[in-house]
Amino acid sequence: MKYYRIGEFARMCGISVELLKHYDRKGLLRPAFRDESGIRYYADFQFVHLAEYYQLNQLGISLQNAKSLRESGSLADCLSQLTLAQTKIGREIQEKQEILRHLSDLREMLDKIQQKNCWSVEWWEGGFFFNKDQAARSEQKMARSLFDVWQRVLLDSGNGSMPEQTENLRSWGTILPLSAQETDIPMEPVPSGSCFVYYHSIPADYVSMNETAHLSNQVWNFEEPLMILAEHGLKPRGDLYQRRLCVTHEADGDKVQVLTRIPLQNGER
C-alpha cells in the first residue's frame, strides 16, 4: 500500500488541500494516518472513496447522504437516494426547459418589434384569467409565474374604444391555459378565437411615489393598436390583454416594449 502527503494526494485528485481538510472535518474522508508533525497522509485506496463521493454528489446526492450510504447504506437505501435525486433533477430540467421556452418567446417578440413586423391576426386557444390576488393564493406554480404577468382592460364592446382609464377597469394577473385545473379559486374564462396581436414600443412615462419611480398609466395606452384594428375593419370582443416585455434606454428617451393581445369578434381571421 502506498501513502501520499495531503498536498500530493490533492494534486493527484485535482482538488485543493482545503477541500480535503473540509472532508476531514466533516468526517467524509479522513486521512489514513498523521505523522508526529501532524501531517496528513492518504492511502492509495482512498482515491476510490473520494471518487465515490464525487460521483454521488454529481448525481444529485448531498455529501451527508453520500456519507451515510458509504458507511451503512444498503442497496435499498442506495436505490431510494438515486430515485429521489432522479426526481429532483427531472424537475429542475423541466423548470430550465420552461425558462428556455420563455427566453425563445421573448427573443422572438422583441425581434418583431425591432424588425417592425409588428402585428398579425392569430388563433388564440384562450384560457383562464387570474387576477394578482387569486394568483398569489393559487397552489398552481404556473399561476404565480413572473413570466406571464398580464394587464386586463375592459374595452367598450360597442365600438372597441378605450373607456376612461379608471382602476376598476384594469386588473393585473396571469393567463392559464385551458388545461389548467383549479378547484378552490373561481376562474374567469378567456374564450378561444381569433386574436389581434401587436408588438410595439411606447415612450416611457415615469411618476414618483414614495421616492420610487414607476411607469404611469399613460404608458399603457392602446390608441395605436385600436387604430390599426379600425383601419382593417377588425372588431374587438370587448376586452384587451397587455404584457410588458422589457424597458430600453434609447437615444430619444426610454421605451417600453409591449405585447398587446385583443380577442376579435367571431368570424374575424
Protein backbone atom coordinates (compact mmCIF):
# COMPACT_ATOMS: atom_id res chain seq x y z
CA MET A 1 0.00 0.00 0.00
CA LYS A 2 1.29 3.43 -0.86
CA TYR A 3 0.74 6.65 1.09
CA TYR A 4 0.75 10.25 -0.07
CA ARG A 5 1.09 13.53 1.72
CA ILE A 6 -2.05 15.65 1.64
CA GLY A 7 -0.63 18.08 -0.92
CA GLU A 8 0.43 15.32 -3.29
CA PHE A 9 -2.87 13.47 -2.84
CA ALA A 10 -4.80 16.67 -3.58
CA ARG A 11 -2.79 17.36 -6.75
CA MET A 12 -3.30 13.82 -8.00
CA CYS A 13 -7.06 14.12 -7.39
CA GLY A 14 -7.28 17.55 -9.00
CA ILE A 15 -8.74 19.20 -5.88
CA SER A 16 -7.49 21.66 -3.29
CA VAL A 17 -5.87 20.85 0.04
CA GLU A 18 -8.56 22.94 1.73
CA LEU A 19 -11.27 20.72 0.27
CA LEU A 20 -9.56 17.62 1.64
CA LYS A 21 -9.34 19.29 5.04
CA HIS A 22 -13.04 20.15 4.78
CA TYR A 23 -13.84 16.50 4.02
CA ASP A 24 -11.77 15.53 7.05
CA ARG A 25 -13.63 17.93 9.37
CA LYS A 26 -16.98 16.63 8.11
CA GLY A 27 -15.90 13.04 8.62
CA LEU A 28 -16.29 12.28 4.93
CA LEU A 29 -12.72 11.28 4.11
CA ARG A 30 -10.28 11.10 6.99
CA PRO A 31 -6.52 10.65 6.41
CA ALA A 32 -5.14 7.13 6.72
CA PHE A 33 -2.83 8.47 9.46
CA ARG A 34 -0.91 11.52 10.65
CA ASP A 35 2.79 11.58 11.40
CA GLU A 36 4.36 13.03 14.53
CA SER A 37 4.28 16.51 12.96
CA GLY A 38 0.53 16.22 12.28
CA ILE A 39 0.91 15.99 8.52
CA ARG A 40 -1.97 14.11 6.92
CA TYR A 41 -1.27 11.05 4.77
CA TYR A 42 -3.75 9.36 2.47
CA ALA A 43 -3.62 5.79 1.18
CA ASP A 44 -3.94 4.87 -2.48
CA PHE A 45 -7.29 3.07 -1.93
CA GLN A 46 -8.77 6.39 -0.78
CA PHE A 47 -8.74 7.59 -4.37
CA VAL A 48 -11.71 5.24 -4.83
CA HIS A 49 -13.51 6.63 -1.76
CA LEU A 50 -13.09 10.18 -2.99
CA ALA A 51 -14.31 9.16 -6.45
CA GLU A 52 -17.42 7.61 -4.89
CA TYR A 53 -18.24 10.84 -3.06
CA TYR A 54 -17.70 12.86 -6.20
CA GLN A 55 -19.87 10.55 -8.29
CA LEU A 56 -22.74 10.51 -5.79
CA ASN A 57 -22.57 14.28 -5.38
CA GLN A 58 -22.60 14.79 -9.17
CA LEU A 59 -25.68 12.57 -9.32
CA GLY A 60 -27.53 14.99 -7.05
CA ILE A 61 -26.99 13.27 -3.70
CA SER A 62 -25.80 15.51 -0.86
CA LEU A 63 -22.42 14.79 0.68
CA GLN A 64 -24.05 13.98 4.01
CA ASN A 65 -26.36 11.42 2.38
CA ALA A 66 -23.41 10.08 0.40
CA LYS A 67 -21.53 9.61 3.69
CA SER A 68 -24.45 7.65 5.14
CA LEU A 69 -24.63 5.46 2.05
CA ARG A 70 -20.91 4.72 2.15
CA GLU A 71 -20.90 3.92 5.84
CA SER A 72 -24.09 1.96 6.40
CA GLY A 73 -26.31 2.22 3.37
CA SER A 74 -27.95 -0.90 1.97
CA LEU A 75 -28.73 -1.48 -1.68
CA ALA A 76 -32.33 -0.42 -0.94
CA ASP A 77 -31.04 2.83 0.60
CA CYS A 78 -28.91 3.50 -2.46
CA LEU A 79 -31.84 2.91 -4.81
CA SER A 80 -34.03 5.22 -2.72
CA GLN A 81 -31.47 8.04 -2.80
CA LEU A 82 -30.94 7.65 -6.54
CA THR A 83 -34.71 7.76 -7.12
CA LEU A 84 -35.02 10.98 -5.11
CA ALA A 85 -32.10 12.51 -6.99
CA GLN A 86 -33.59 11.48 -10.33
CA THR A 87 -36.92 13.09 -9.43
CA LYS A 88 -35.24 16.30 -8.28
CA ILE A 89 -33.08 16.62 -11.39
CA GLY A 90 -36.03 15.83 -13.66
CA ARG A 91 -37.96 18.67 -12.03
CA GLU A 92 -35.01 21.02 -12.47
CA ILE A 93 -34.78 20.07 -16.16
CA GLN A 94 -38.48 20.85 -16.65
CA GLU A 95 -38.01 24.23 -14.98
CA LYS A 96 -34.99 25.01 -17.18
CA GLN A 97 -36.93 23.97 -20.28
CA GLU A 98 -39.72 26.34 -19.26
CA ILE A 99 -37.20 29.17 -18.84
CA LEU A 100 -35.69 28.29 -22.22
CA ARG A 101 -39.14 28.47 -23.83
CA HIS A 102 -39.79 31.90 -22.31
CA LEU A 103 -36.38 33.11 -23.49
CA SER A 104 -37.15 31.96 -27.02
CA ASP A 105 -40.60 33.58 -26.99
CA LEU A 106 -39.25 36.87 -25.64
CA ARG A 107 -36.46 37.00 -28.22
CA GLU A 108 -39.00 36.39 -31.00
CA MET A 109 -41.31 39.14 -29.72
CA LEU A 110 -38.53 41.71 -29.37
CA ASP A 111 -37.17 40.78 -32.79
CA LYS A 112 -40.56 41.52 -34.33
CA ILE A 113 -40.53 44.96 -32.72
CA GLN A 114 -37.01 45.64 -33.98
CA GLN A 115 -37.83 44.42 -37.50
CA LYS A 116 -41.14 46.34 -37.42
CA ASN A 117 -43.02 43.13 -38.16
CA CYS A 118 -45.41 44.25 -35.52
CA TRP A 119 -48.90 42.80 -35.86
CA SER A 120 -50.86 39.79 -37.00
CA VAL A 121 -54.16 38.01 -36.53
CA GLU A 122 -53.74 34.61 -34.90
CA TRP A 123 -55.89 31.90 -33.42
CA TRP A 124 -55.88 32.00 -29.63
CA GLU A 125 -56.64 28.91 -27.60
CA GLY A 126 -57.93 31.06 -24.76
CA GLY A 127 -57.64 30.02 -21.14
CA PHE A 128 -58.43 31.46 -17.73
CA PHE A 129 -57.55 34.84 -16.24
CA PHE A 130 -56.40 35.03 -12.61
CA ASN A 131 -56.04 38.46 -11.06
CA LYS A 132 -52.92 39.02 -8.98
CA ASP A 133 -54.68 38.29 -5.68
CA GLN A 134 -56.08 35.00 -6.98
CA ALA A 135 -52.71 34.03 -8.44
CA ALA A 136 -51.00 34.69 -5.10
CA ARG A 137 -53.45 32.34 -3.34
CA SER A 138 -53.31 29.66 -6.01
CA GLU A 139 -51.45 26.44 -5.39
CA GLN A 140 -50.58 26.30 -9.08
CA LYS A 141 -47.00 27.33 -9.64
CA MET A 142 -47.95 28.35 -13.18
CA ALA A 143 -50.41 30.93 -11.83
CA ARG A 144 -47.67 32.58 -9.79
CA SER A 145 -45.17 32.71 -12.65
CA LEU A 146 -43.47 36.07 -13.08
CA PHE A 147 -43.02 35.27 -16.78
CA ASP A 148 -46.71 35.72 -17.59
CA VAL A 149 -47.94 38.89 -15.88
CA TRP A 150 -50.78 40.41 -17.90
CA GLN A 151 -52.89 43.55 -17.60
CA ARG A 152 -56.54 43.07 -18.48
CA VAL A 153 -58.53 46.11 -19.65
CA LEU A 154 -62.22 46.22 -20.48
CA LEU A 155 -63.00 47.94 -23.78
CA ASP A 156 -66.29 49.46 -24.83
CA SER A 157 -67.88 46.46 -26.54
CA GLY A 158 -69.96 48.73 -28.75
CA ASN A 159 -67.24 50.36 -30.81
CA GLY A 160 -63.99 48.99 -29.40
CA SER A 161 -62.96 52.31 -27.92
CA MET A 162 -60.94 52.61 -24.75
CA PRO A 163 -63.03 53.74 -21.76
CA GLU A 164 -61.79 56.26 -19.26
CA GLN A 165 -58.82 54.67 -17.52
CA THR A 166 -60.04 54.02 -14.02
CA GLU A 167 -58.70 51.45 -11.61
CA ASN A 168 -61.84 49.30 -11.63
CA LEU A 169 -61.47 48.73 -15.38
CA ARG A 170 -57.90 47.45 -15.07
CA SER A 171 -56.60 44.36 -13.35
CA TRP A 172 -53.23 42.61 -13.25
CA GLY A 173 -52.92 38.86 -13.26
CA THR A 174 -51.91 35.89 -15.35
CA ILE A 175 -53.47 33.75 -18.06
CA LEU A 176 -53.57 29.98 -17.53
CA PRO A 177 -54.12 27.53 -20.40
CA LEU A 178 -57.42 25.72 -20.86
CA SER A 179 -55.82 22.56 -19.48
CA ALA A 180 -55.32 24.20 -16.07
CA GLN A 181 -57.34 22.77 -13.23
CA GLU A 182 -58.22 24.90 -10.20
CA THR A 183 -60.96 23.94 -7.78
CA ASP A 184 -60.58 26.35 -4.86
CA ILE A 185 -60.49 29.62 -6.80
CA PRO A 186 -63.10 30.57 -9.42
CA MET A 187 -61.54 31.14 -12.83
CA GLU A 188 -62.65 33.75 -15.34
CA PRO A 189 -62.66 32.12 -18.79
CA VAL A 190 -60.86 33.74 -21.69
CA PRO A 191 -62.66 32.32 -24.75
CA SER A 192 -60.72 30.96 -27.68
CA GLY A 193 -60.94 32.55 -31.10
CA SER A 194 -59.19 34.90 -33.49
CA CYS A 195 -56.94 37.39 -31.81
CA PHE A 196 -55.16 40.59 -32.85
CA VAL A 197 -51.53 40.51 -31.67
CA TYR A 198 -49.44 43.68 -31.70
CA TYR A 199 -45.81 44.13 -30.63
CA HIS A 200 -44.85 47.76 -30.12
CA SER A 201 -42.71 50.28 -28.24
CA ILE A 202 -44.30 53.06 -26.20
CA PRO A 203 -42.43 56.10 -24.83
CA ALA A 204 -41.96 55.64 -21.10
CA ASP A 205 -43.72 57.99 -18.71
CA TYR A 206 -42.50 57.89 -15.11
CA VAL A 207 -44.11 59.17 -11.93
CA SER A 208 -42.62 59.21 -8.44
CA MET A 209 -44.25 57.68 -5.42
CA ASN A 210 -42.54 57.21 -2.06
CA GLU A 211 -39.23 58.17 -3.66
CA THR A 212 -39.61 55.34 -6.19
CA ALA A 213 -40.14 56.00 -9.88
CA HIS A 214 -42.57 53.75 -11.73
CA LEU A 215 -44.33 53.70 -15.08
CA SER A 216 -47.56 55.68 -15.08
CA ASN A 217 -50.88 54.58 -16.52
CA GLN A 218 -50.17 56.80 -19.53
CA VAL A 219 -47.68 54.17 -20.69
CA TRP A 220 -50.43 51.61 -21.14
CA ASN A 221 -52.29 53.40 -23.94
CA PHE A 222 -53.97 51.44 -26.73
CA GLU A 223 -54.56 54.13 -29.34
CA GLU A 224 -52.17 52.65 -31.88
CA PRO A 225 -53.47 49.04 -31.83
CA LEU A 226 -57.09 50.26 -31.79
CA MET A 227 -56.34 52.49 -34.79
CA ILE A 228 -54.89 49.52 -36.71
CA LEU A 229 -57.99 47.49 -35.87
CA ALA A 230 -60.25 50.24 -37.20
CA GLU A 231 -58.18 50.67 -40.38
CA HIS A 232 -58.54 46.97 -41.20
CA GLY A 233 -62.20 46.66 -40.23
CA LEU A 234 -61.48 44.35 -37.31
CA LYS A 235 -63.79 44.49 -34.31
CA PRO A 236 -62.64 43.71 -30.76
CA ARG A 237 -64.65 41.48 -28.48
CA GLY A 238 -64.70 43.94 -25.59
CA ASP A 239 -61.51 43.20 -23.67
CA LEU A 240 -57.78 43.57 -24.08
CA TYR A 241 -54.71 41.92 -22.59
CA GLN A 242 -51.33 43.60 -22.41
CA ARG A 243 -47.94 42.42 -21.20
CA ARG A 244 -44.76 44.43 -20.74
CA LEU A 245 -41.79 42.74 -22.37
CA CYS A 246 -38.90 44.99 -21.29
CA VAL A 247 -37.73 48.60 -20.95
CA THR A 248 -34.91 50.01 -23.10
CA HIS A 249 -32.98 53.25 -22.88
CA GLU A 250 -32.90 54.76 -26.34
CA ALA A 251 -31.19 57.94 -27.54
CA ASP A 252 -34.57 59.66 -27.89
CA GLY A 253 -35.85 58.53 -24.49
CA ASP A 254 -36.82 55.39 -22.60
CA LYS A 255 -39.16 52.98 -24.36
CA VAL A 256 -41.41 50.23 -23.01
CA GLN A 257 -41.73 47.17 -25.27
CA VAL A 258 -45.27 45.84 -25.03
CA LEU A 259 -47.31 42.92 -26.33
CA THR A 260 -50.98 43.80 -26.81
CA ARG A 261 -53.47 40.99 -27.45
CA ILE A 262 -57.09 41.78 -28.36
CA PRO A 263 -59.65 38.99 -28.93
CA LEU A 264 -61.73 39.63 -32.05
CA GLN A 265 -65.40 39.07 -32.69
CA ASN A 266 -66.33 35.62 -34.03
CA GLY A 267 -65.51 35.03 -37.64
CA GLU A 268 -62.64 37.50 -37.82
CA ARG A 269 -59.47 35.96 -39.22
